[in-house]
Protein backbone atom coordinates (compact mmCIF):
# COMPACT_ATOMS: atom_id res chain seq x y z
CA MET A 1 2.40 -79.86 350.93
CA ASN A 2 -0.52 -81.65 349.19
CA PRO A 3 -0.01 -83.44 346.48
CA VAL A 4 -3.06 -84.19 345.18
CA LYS A 5 -4.06 -80.33 345.58
CA GLU A 6 -0.74 -79.70 344.40
CA THR A 7 -1.62 -82.14 341.07
CA GLU A 8 -4.46 -80.61 340.39
CA ARG A 9 -2.65 -76.62 340.92
CA ALA A 10 -0.04 -77.86 337.81
CA LEU A 11 -3.19 -78.74 335.57
CA LEU A 12 -4.42 -75.62 336.26
CA ASN A 13 -1.56 -72.94 335.84
CA GLY A 14 -0.43 -75.00 332.83
CA ASP A 15 2.96 -76.57 334.59
CA ARG A 16 1.51 -80.27 334.02
CA ILE A 17 1.25 -81.88 330.08
CA PRO A 18 -2.83 -82.79 330.98
CA GLY A 19 -3.57 -86.64 329.91
CA PRO A 20 -5.99 -88.84 329.27
CA GLY A 21 -7.55 -88.61 332.57
CA ASP A 22 -7.89 -85.89 332.62
CA PHE A 23 -10.58 -84.83 329.56
CA LYS A 24 -13.79 -85.51 329.25
CA VAL A 25 -14.48 -86.42 325.68
CA SER A 26 -17.72 -85.36 324.74
CA THR A 27 -16.98 -84.05 321.30
CA ILE A 28 -15.18 -86.28 318.31
CA ILE A 29 -14.21 -84.20 315.15
CA ASP A 30 -12.26 -87.55 312.51
CA VAL A 31 -10.44 -86.16 309.79
CA GLY A 32 -9.47 -89.17 307.52
CA THR A 33 -12.04 -91.42 309.17
CA ASN A 34 -11.49 -93.99 306.50
CA THR A 35 -14.00 -97.39 306.90
CA GLY A 36 -14.46 -95.85 310.56
CA GLN A 37 -11.54 -98.40 312.51
CA TRP A 38 -10.22 -95.40 314.30
CA VAL A 39 -13.44 -93.78 316.01
CA ASP A 40 -15.27 -96.86 316.15
CA ASP A 41 -13.74 -97.55 319.80
CA TYR A 42 -15.09 -94.03 321.11
CA ILE A 43 -18.71 -95.14 319.37
CA MET A 44 -18.91 -98.37 320.94
CA ASN A 45 -17.74 -98.53 324.04
CA PRO A 46 -20.15 -96.64 326.22
CA LEU A 47 -18.71 -97.64 329.58
CA THR A 48 -14.93 -96.52 328.64
CA TYR A 49 -16.27 -93.16 327.12
CA PRO A 50 -19.00 -91.99 328.77
CA ASP A 51 -19.94 -88.74 327.88
CA LEU A 52 -19.14 -88.94 324.44
CA LYS A 53 -21.87 -86.92 322.64
CA TYR A 54 -21.23 -86.42 319.10
CA VAL A 55 -19.28 -87.83 316.34
CA PHE A 56 -17.97 -86.22 313.03
CA CYS A 57 -16.44 -87.60 310.47
CA PHE A 58 -15.09 -86.57 307.17
CA GLU A 59 -14.13 -89.29 304.19
CA PRO A 60 -13.51 -87.61 300.57
CA HIS A 61 -12.67 -90.93 299.02
CA THR A 62 -15.73 -91.97 296.68
CA LYS A 63 -14.82 -95.52 297.09
CA VAL A 64 -14.31 -95.88 300.27
CA PHE A 65 -17.06 -93.79 302.21
CA PRO A 66 -19.91 -96.41 300.86
CA TYR A 67 -18.30 -98.59 303.24
CA LEU A 68 -18.33 -96.32 305.90
CA GLU A 69 -22.49 -95.80 305.18
CA ALA A 70 -22.77 -99.39 305.77
CA HIS A 71 -20.50 -100.14 308.46
CA ALA A 72 -22.74 -97.01 310.09
CA ALA A 73 -25.86 -98.18 309.67
CA GLU A 74 -25.38 -101.42 310.83
CA TYR A 75 -23.31 -100.82 314.17
CA TRP A 76 -23.04 -97.17 314.98
CA ALA A 77 -26.78 -96.65 314.10
CA LYS A 78 -28.13 -98.93 316.61
CA GLN A 79 -27.02 -97.31 319.61
CA GLU A 80 -28.77 -94.26 321.10
CA ARG A 81 -25.39 -92.51 323.08
CA VAL A 82 -23.80 -90.48 320.89
CA GLN A 83 -24.90 -88.80 316.83
CA VAL A 84 -23.01 -89.86 313.98
CA GLU A 85 -22.86 -87.64 310.88
CA LEU A 86 -21.04 -88.67 308.35
CA TYR A 87 -19.61 -85.89 305.30
CA PRO A 88 -17.57 -86.66 302.07
CA TYR A 89 -15.54 -83.94 302.51
CA ALA A 90 -12.01 -83.56 302.32
CA LEU A 91 -10.55 -79.98 303.97
CA GLY A 92 -7.73 -77.75 304.26
CA THR A 93 -7.51 -74.38 304.72
CA GLN A 94 -9.70 -71.42 302.80
CA ARG A 95 -9.93 -70.31 299.95
CA ARG A 96 -9.17 -66.69 298.29
CA ASP A 97 -12.64 -66.56 298.14
CA ARG A 98 -14.23 -67.67 300.74
CA ARG A 99 -16.17 -70.22 298.66
CA TRP A 100 -15.07 -73.92 298.71
CA ASN A 101 -16.12 -76.17 296.56
CA GLU A 102 -13.98 -79.43 294.46
CA ALA A 103 -10.48 -80.39 295.30
CA SER A 104 -7.77 -82.05 293.24
CA PHE A 105 -7.37 -85.35 295.12
CA VAL A 106 -5.19 -88.29 294.38
CA ARG A 107 -7.27 -91.44 295.02
CA CYS A 108 -5.03 -95.15 295.52
CA ASP A 109 -8.48 -97.32 295.68
CA THR A 110 -5.96 -100.93 296.47
CA ALA A 111 -4.10 -99.51 299.67
CA ASN A 112 -7.21 -96.23 299.70
CA TYR A 113 -5.49 -95.61 303.41
CA CYS A 114 -2.74 -93.50 301.49
CA SER A 115 -5.06 -91.26 299.50
CA SER A 116 -4.38 -88.08 299.36
CA PRO A 117 -4.40 -84.18 298.13
CA LEU A 118 -0.73 -84.46 298.33
CA GLN A 119 1.23 -86.59 295.08
CA PRO A 120 2.88 -89.83 296.50
CA THR A 121 6.92 -90.09 296.19
CA ARG A 122 8.60 -91.81 294.53
CA TRP A 123 9.85 -93.08 297.36
CA LEU A 124 6.43 -94.19 298.63
CA LEU A 125 5.34 -96.45 295.06
CA ALA A 126 8.37 -98.34 295.13
CA ARG A 127 7.95 -99.00 298.74
CA SER A 128 4.16 -99.68 298.44
CA PRO A 129 3.65 -100.57 295.28
CA ASP A 130 -0.55 -100.73 295.59
CA VAL A 131 -0.16 -97.26 296.23
CA ALA A 132 0.70 -96.65 291.70
CA ASP A 133 -3.12 -98.64 291.40
CA ASN A 134 -4.03 -94.29 291.76
CA ALA A 135 -5.77 -91.68 289.69
CA ARG A 136 -6.04 -87.67 290.52
CA VAL A 137 -9.76 -86.64 290.93
CA SER A 138 -11.71 -84.18 292.25
CA VAL A 139 -13.88 -84.43 295.94
CA ASN A 140 -15.59 -82.08 297.49
CA TYR A 141 -13.78 -80.03 299.54
CA ILE A 142 -14.44 -77.66 302.92
CA PRO A 143 -12.54 -76.23 305.43
CA LEU A 144 -13.67 -77.20 308.94
CA ASP A 145 -14.63 -73.50 310.28
CA ALA A 146 -16.10 -73.65 307.70
CA ALA A 147 -18.04 -77.42 307.81
CA VAL A 148 -18.80 -76.45 311.63
CA LEU A 149 -21.56 -73.35 309.71
CA GLU A 150 -23.00 -74.81 307.39
CA PHE A 151 -23.98 -78.17 309.02
CA ASN A 152 -24.44 -76.84 312.87
CA MET A 153 -22.51 -78.91 314.53
CA PRO A 154 -22.26 -78.47 317.81
CA LEU A 155 -18.79 -78.69 319.70
CA VAL A 156 -19.14 -79.57 323.42
CA ASP A 157 -16.05 -79.92 325.43
CA ASP A 158 -13.87 -81.33 325.61
CA VAL A 159 -13.24 -82.11 321.87
CA LEU A 160 -10.61 -84.09 320.32
CA LEU A 161 -9.55 -83.40 316.75
CA LYS A 162 -8.51 -86.52 315.37
CA ILE A 163 -6.08 -85.83 312.07
CA ASP A 164 -4.29 -88.76 308.81
CA VAL A 165 -4.77 -87.51 305.86
CA GLN A 166 -1.45 -88.01 304.37
CA GLY A 167 0.95 -84.89 304.26
CA PHE A 168 -1.69 -82.77 304.43
CA GLU A 169 -2.29 -81.73 308.57
CA ASP A 170 -1.40 -78.70 308.13
CA GLN A 171 -3.74 -77.30 305.50
CA VAL A 172 -6.07 -78.67 308.01
CA LEU A 173 -4.95 -76.99 310.76
CA LEU A 174 -4.63 -73.78 308.87
CA GLY A 175 -8.66 -74.30 308.46
CA ALA A 176 -9.62 -74.85 311.42
CA LYS A 177 -8.05 -71.42 313.67
CA GLU A 178 -11.90 -70.28 314.20
CA THR A 179 -12.68 -74.68 315.57
CA LEU A 180 -9.21 -75.10 317.63
CA LYS A 181 -10.50 -72.37 319.76
CA LYS A 182 -12.85 -75.50 321.06
CA VAL A 183 -10.81 -78.41 320.40
CA SER A 184 -8.21 -80.04 324.08
CA TRP A 185 -6.58 -82.35 322.42
CA ILE A 186 -5.30 -83.31 318.45
CA GLN A 187 -3.50 -86.22 317.39
CA ALA A 188 -2.11 -85.48 313.68
CA GLU A 189 0.07 -87.95 311.75
CA VAL A 190 3.52 -87.28 311.15
CA LEU A 191 5.38 -88.56 308.19
CA PHE A 192 9.11 -88.47 309.19
CA ASP A 193 10.08 -90.23 305.90
CA ARG A 194 9.49 -88.15 302.79
CA LEU A 195 6.17 -89.81 301.29
CA TYR A 196 4.78 -87.18 299.94
CA GLU A 197 5.40 -84.18 297.90
CA ASP A 198 5.14 -81.18 300.10
CA GLN A 199 4.06 -83.26 302.72
CA ALA A 200 3.32 -80.88 306.13
CA THR A 201 6.47 -81.81 309.20
CA LEU A 202 6.12 -81.43 312.67
CA ARG A 203 7.90 -78.57 313.11
CA GLN A 204 5.29 -77.15 311.39
CA LEU A 205 2.37 -78.66 313.40
CA MET A 206 3.97 -77.61 316.06
CA GLU A 207 3.95 -74.15 314.24
CA ILE A 208 0.87 -74.12 313.37
CA VAL A 209 -0.70 -75.70 316.85
CA GLU A 210 1.87 -73.53 319.74
CA PRO A 211 0.65 -70.81 319.33
CA LEU A 212 -3.05 -71.60 320.01
CA GLY A 213 -2.20 -72.70 323.89
CA PHE A 214 -0.81 -76.47 322.40
CA ARG A 215 1.44 -78.49 323.28
CA TYR A 216 3.58 -81.31 321.63
CA ALA A 217 2.61 -84.55 324.05
CA GLY A 218 4.83 -87.39 322.32
CA ASN A 219 2.89 -89.88 319.90
CA THR A 220 0.69 -92.70 320.38
CA ALA A 221 0.97 -95.30 317.57
CA GLN A 222 5.04 -94.62 314.90
CA PRO A 223 5.77 -97.70 313.22
CA GLY A 224 9.23 -98.59 312.05
CA CYS A 225 10.44 -99.97 308.81
CA PRO A 226 11.00 -103.36 309.06
CA GLN A 227 13.67 -103.66 306.86
CA SER A 228 15.71 -100.45 308.96
CA GLY A 229 13.82 -100.59 312.06
CA ALA A 230 13.92 -96.04 311.63
CA ILE A 231 10.63 -94.68 312.64
CA MET A 232 8.50 -93.87 309.60
CA TYR A 233 5.81 -91.85 311.18
CA ALA A 234 3.64 -91.41 313.63
CA ASP A 235 0.63 -90.26 315.68
CA ALA A 236 1.34 -87.31 317.30
CA LEU A 237 -0.33 -85.62 320.67
CA PHE A 238 -0.55 -81.89 321.15
CA VAL A 239 -3.09 -80.88 323.95
CA ARG A 240 -4.53 -77.41 325.78
CA CYS A 241 -2.39 -76.15 328.21
CA PRO A 242 -4.91 -75.94 330.47
CA PRO A 243 -7.46 -77.90 329.56
CA ARG A 244 -10.93 -75.96 328.73
CA SER A 245 -12.23 -78.44 331.07
CA LYS A 246 -11.51 -80.91 333.53
CA ARG A 247 -12.33 -84.23 334.89
């Protein structure tokens, strides 16, 4: 039995979970971009990510978005390989009237990365006092499926969807059912401590994406609590088996 051919067969049959080397990432959708720190590496490294063509960034924090724009203008605009688009929107589910407008958002100014449509719990406020510097505001809101159509976003294989929205990840996925048909790789933050009211669980995310052809493929970062060592949150990976395309 030829190991190389058997490895290829296992990938195409869905017997083997794909890894990064099996994908040709051409499109990234970054939900919860903050100042662009996560996606920056993809955009600025043509040798590592030679197939990347489009990056679409969503960041609803009204005080953070100008920093994202400034970073994009200073660094990303100077390269011609990747088309980058920035959108000051929060993502979620489709409203019943099929329109999109404004949504309530807890904007944290000091710890801006803790901002969320969800209310922080007493435990989060106790362990991160900076989160108390917050205000409930209205932000622009749109489901991802509607955004793809509204902004005419080309989704070229393979599509990587990254979601980091502080417990609201399930709502983003529920508003992206059509878009997910074109996605091969999902990276979604999962909170294990209850940091936000009604936050999504790993099981809830799996129940949404598994019927669409995705399999849970482990975690990347999973920081522990300095006091107890318990894992507080992780970036969970879900991959399409078999992938939509292959290298």
